[in-house]
N, C-alpha and C. Protein backbone atom coordinates (compact mmCIF):
# COMPACT_ATOMS: atom_id res chain seq x y z
N MET A 1 -4.04 -1.16 17.03
CA MET A 1 -3.02 -0.70 16.10
C MET A 1 -2.35 -1.93 15.46
N PRO A 2 -2.13 -1.89 14.15
CA PRO A 2 -1.49 -3.02 13.47
C PRO A 2 -0.08 -3.26 14.01
N TYR A 3 0.29 -4.51 14.04
CA TYR A 3 1.60 -4.89 14.56
C TYR A 3 2.67 -4.92 13.48
N PHE A 4 2.30 -5.35 12.27
CA PHE A 4 3.26 -5.48 11.19
C PHE A 4 3.06 -4.39 10.15
N THR A 5 4.17 -3.99 9.54
CA THR A 5 4.13 -3.07 8.42
C THR A 5 4.78 -3.77 7.23
N TYR A 6 4.04 -3.85 6.13
CA TYR A 6 4.57 -4.48 4.92
C TYR A 6 5.06 -3.41 3.97
N ASP A 7 6.31 -3.54 3.55
CA ASP A 7 6.86 -2.63 2.56
C ASP A 7 6.57 -3.20 1.17
N THR A 8 6.69 -2.37 0.17
CA THR A 8 6.45 -2.80 -1.20
C THR A 8 7.31 -4.01 -1.55
N SER A 9 8.55 -4.02 -1.09
CA SER A 9 9.46 -5.12 -1.44
C SER A 9 8.96 -6.47 -0.93
N VAL A 10 8.25 -6.48 0.20
CA VAL A 10 7.71 -7.73 0.72
C VAL A 10 6.62 -8.26 -0.21
N ILE A 11 5.74 -7.38 -0.63
CA ILE A 11 4.65 -7.79 -1.51
C ILE A 11 5.21 -8.27 -2.85
N ILE A 12 6.20 -7.57 -3.38
CA ILE A 12 6.80 -7.96 -4.66
C ILE A 12 7.56 -9.27 -4.53
N SER A 13 8.34 -9.44 -3.46
CA SER A 13 9.14 -10.65 -3.30
C SER A 13 8.27 -11.89 -3.13
N ARG A 14 7.08 -11.72 -2.58
CA ARG A 14 6.15 -12.84 -2.41
C ARG A 14 5.24 -13.02 -3.63
N LYS A 15 5.45 -12.15 -4.63
CA LYS A 15 4.66 -12.18 -5.86
C LYS A 15 3.16 -12.13 -5.60
N LEU A 16 2.78 -11.25 -4.70
CA LEU A 16 1.37 -11.09 -4.36
C LEU A 16 0.75 -10.02 -5.25
N ILE A 17 -0.35 -10.34 -5.88
CA ILE A 17 -1.10 -9.33 -6.62
C ILE A 17 -1.88 -8.49 -5.62
N ALA A 18 -2.43 -9.17 -4.64
CA ALA A 18 -3.18 -8.48 -3.59
C ALA A 18 -2.42 -8.64 -2.28
N PRO A 19 -2.58 -7.71 -1.38
CA PRO A 19 -1.91 -7.81 -0.07
C PRO A 19 -2.49 -8.96 0.74
N PRO A 20 -1.91 -9.23 1.91
CA PRO A 20 -2.44 -10.30 2.76
C PRO A 20 -3.93 -10.09 3.03
N ALA A 21 -4.57 -11.15 3.49
CA ALA A 21 -6.02 -11.12 3.72
C ALA A 21 -6.44 -9.86 4.48
N ARG A 22 -7.51 -9.26 4.02
CA ARG A 22 -8.00 -8.03 4.63
C ARG A 22 -8.65 -8.36 5.96
N THR A 23 -8.20 -7.68 6.98
CA THR A 23 -8.79 -7.82 8.30
C THR A 23 -9.08 -6.42 8.82
N SER A 24 -9.78 -6.35 9.92
CA SER A 24 -10.15 -5.04 10.45
C SER A 24 -8.95 -4.24 10.95
N ASN A 25 -7.84 -4.91 11.22
CA ASN A 25 -6.67 -4.18 11.71
C ASN A 25 -5.55 -4.06 10.67
N PHE A 26 -5.84 -4.37 9.40
CA PHE A 26 -4.84 -4.23 8.33
C PHE A 26 -5.02 -2.90 7.64
N LEU A 27 -3.97 -2.11 7.61
CA LEU A 27 -3.98 -0.83 6.92
C LEU A 27 -3.03 -0.89 5.75
N MET A 28 -3.36 -0.20 4.67
CA MET A 28 -2.52 -0.18 3.47
C MET A 28 -1.97 1.22 3.28
N SER A 29 -0.71 1.28 2.88
CA SER A 29 -0.07 2.56 2.61
C SER A 29 -0.31 2.99 1.16
N ALA A 30 -0.70 4.24 0.98
CA ALA A 30 -0.88 4.78 -0.37
C ALA A 30 0.44 4.75 -1.13
N VAL A 31 1.55 4.89 -0.42
CA VAL A 31 2.87 4.87 -1.06
C VAL A 31 3.14 3.48 -1.64
N VAL A 32 2.80 2.44 -0.89
CA VAL A 32 3.00 1.07 -1.38
C VAL A 32 2.14 0.83 -2.62
N LEU A 33 0.88 1.24 -2.57
CA LEU A 33 0.02 1.05 -3.75
C LEU A 33 0.51 1.87 -4.94
N MET A 34 1.07 3.05 -4.69
CA MET A 34 1.61 3.86 -5.77
C MET A 34 2.80 3.14 -6.42
N GLU A 35 3.68 2.59 -5.59
CA GLU A 35 4.85 1.88 -6.12
C GLU A 35 4.44 0.63 -6.90
N LEU A 36 3.47 -0.09 -6.36
CA LEU A 36 2.99 -1.28 -7.06
C LEU A 36 2.34 -0.90 -8.39
N SER A 37 1.56 0.17 -8.39
CA SER A 37 0.92 0.63 -9.63
C SER A 37 1.96 1.04 -10.66
N ALA A 38 3.00 1.72 -10.22
CA ALA A 38 4.04 2.17 -11.14
C ALA A 38 4.79 1.00 -11.76
N SER A 39 4.83 -0.14 -11.06
CA SER A 39 5.56 -1.30 -11.57
C SER A 39 4.65 -2.34 -12.19
N ALA A 40 3.38 -2.02 -12.37
CA ALA A 40 2.43 -2.98 -12.96
C ALA A 40 2.92 -3.42 -14.34
N ARG A 41 2.80 -4.71 -14.59
CA ARG A 41 3.28 -5.27 -15.86
C ARG A 41 2.35 -4.98 -17.02
N ASP A 42 1.07 -4.81 -16.72
CA ASP A 42 0.12 -4.54 -17.79
C ASP A 42 -1.11 -3.82 -17.23
N LYS A 43 -2.04 -3.49 -18.11
CA LYS A 43 -3.21 -2.73 -17.69
C LYS A 43 -4.11 -3.50 -16.73
N SER A 44 -4.16 -4.81 -16.89
CA SER A 44 -5.02 -5.59 -15.98
C SER A 44 -4.48 -5.57 -14.56
N GLU A 45 -3.16 -5.64 -14.40
CA GLU A 45 -2.56 -5.57 -13.07
C GLU A 45 -2.76 -4.16 -12.49
N LEU A 46 -2.62 -3.15 -13.33
CA LEU A 46 -2.83 -1.78 -12.88
C LEU A 46 -4.27 -1.60 -12.37
N LYS A 47 -5.22 -2.18 -13.06
CA LYS A 47 -6.62 -2.07 -12.63
C LYS A 47 -6.84 -2.73 -11.26
N ILE A 48 -6.13 -3.81 -11.00
CA ILE A 48 -6.22 -4.46 -9.69
C ILE A 48 -5.77 -3.49 -8.60
N TYR A 49 -4.63 -2.85 -8.81
CA TYR A 49 -4.11 -1.92 -7.80
C TYR A 49 -5.01 -0.69 -7.65
N GLU A 50 -5.55 -0.21 -8.76
CA GLU A 50 -6.48 0.92 -8.67
C GLU A 50 -7.73 0.55 -7.89
N GLY A 51 -8.21 -0.67 -8.09
CA GLY A 51 -9.37 -1.15 -7.34
C GLY A 51 -9.06 -1.28 -5.86
N LEU A 52 -7.87 -1.80 -5.55
CA LEU A 52 -7.47 -1.90 -4.14
C LEU A 52 -7.39 -0.52 -3.50
N PHE A 53 -6.85 0.44 -4.23
CA PHE A 53 -6.75 1.80 -3.72
C PHE A 53 -8.13 2.32 -3.34
N ARG A 54 -9.09 2.14 -4.23
CA ARG A 54 -10.47 2.60 -3.96
C ARG A 54 -11.09 1.84 -2.79
N ASP A 55 -10.85 0.52 -2.72
CA ASP A 55 -11.41 -0.28 -1.63
C ASP A 55 -10.87 0.18 -0.27
N TYR A 56 -9.56 0.34 -0.19
CA TYR A 56 -8.96 0.78 1.08
C TYR A 56 -9.39 2.20 1.43
N GLN A 57 -9.51 3.04 0.43
CA GLN A 57 -9.95 4.42 0.66
C GLN A 57 -11.39 4.43 1.18
N ARG A 58 -12.23 3.61 0.59
CA ARG A 58 -13.63 3.56 0.95
C ARG A 58 -13.84 3.11 2.40
N ASP A 59 -13.06 2.11 2.83
CA ASP A 59 -13.26 1.63 4.19
C ASP A 59 -12.32 2.26 5.21
N LYS A 60 -11.69 3.35 4.79
CA LYS A 60 -10.84 4.17 5.69
C LYS A 60 -9.64 3.40 6.25
N SER A 61 -9.12 2.44 5.46
CA SER A 61 -7.94 1.70 5.90
C SER A 61 -6.72 2.02 5.04
N LEU A 62 -6.77 3.16 4.34
CA LEU A 62 -5.66 3.62 3.51
C LEU A 62 -4.89 4.68 4.28
N ILE A 63 -3.60 4.45 4.45
CA ILE A 63 -2.74 5.42 5.13
C ILE A 63 -2.14 6.33 4.06
N VAL A 64 -2.42 7.62 4.18
CA VAL A 64 -1.88 8.60 3.23
C VAL A 64 -0.96 9.54 4.01
N PRO A 65 0.34 9.51 3.72
CA PRO A 65 1.27 10.35 4.48
C PRO A 65 1.01 11.84 4.24
N ASN A 66 1.19 12.61 5.29
CA ASN A 66 1.09 14.07 5.16
C ASN A 66 2.50 14.65 5.26
N GLU A 67 2.59 15.96 5.25
CA GLU A 67 3.92 16.59 5.25
C GLU A 67 4.72 16.25 6.50
N GLY A 68 4.06 16.11 7.63
CA GLY A 68 4.76 15.74 8.86
C GLY A 68 5.35 14.33 8.78
N ASP A 69 4.60 13.43 8.14
CA ASP A 69 5.09 12.07 7.96
C ASP A 69 6.34 12.06 7.09
N TRP A 70 6.33 12.84 6.01
CA TRP A 70 7.49 12.89 5.12
C TRP A 70 8.69 13.51 5.82
N LEU A 71 8.46 14.52 6.65
CA LEU A 71 9.55 15.14 7.39
C LEU A 71 10.17 14.12 8.36
N LEU A 72 9.33 13.39 9.07
CA LEU A 72 9.84 12.36 9.99
C LEU A 72 10.63 11.30 9.22
N ALA A 73 10.11 10.88 8.07
CA ALA A 73 10.80 9.88 7.26
C ALA A 73 12.17 10.39 6.82
N SER A 74 12.26 11.66 6.48
CA SER A 74 13.55 12.22 6.05
C SER A 74 14.55 12.21 7.20
N LYS A 75 14.06 12.40 8.42
CA LYS A 75 14.96 12.37 9.59
C LYS A 75 15.44 10.94 9.85
N VAL A 76 14.55 9.99 9.66
CA VAL A 76 14.92 8.59 9.87
C VAL A 76 15.96 8.16 8.85
N LEU A 77 15.75 8.58 7.59
CA LEU A 77 16.71 8.21 6.53
C LEU A 77 18.05 8.89 6.75
């Protein structure tokens, strides 16, 4: 199980186009990629995030929250 969780703000503050190096234990959140895509400065940056989404989806390292996850998040907030 991954030890660290990176929020969108970490990736933005470090000015990373791509997340940290891909390893077998790195998982990406669909929510983070959605937020990064929404804030893309141009079409080329958007294409990078869309490609990352497909890559993580393909290798089963994309975390997609379900209704239970959202309910738990609402309780935490």
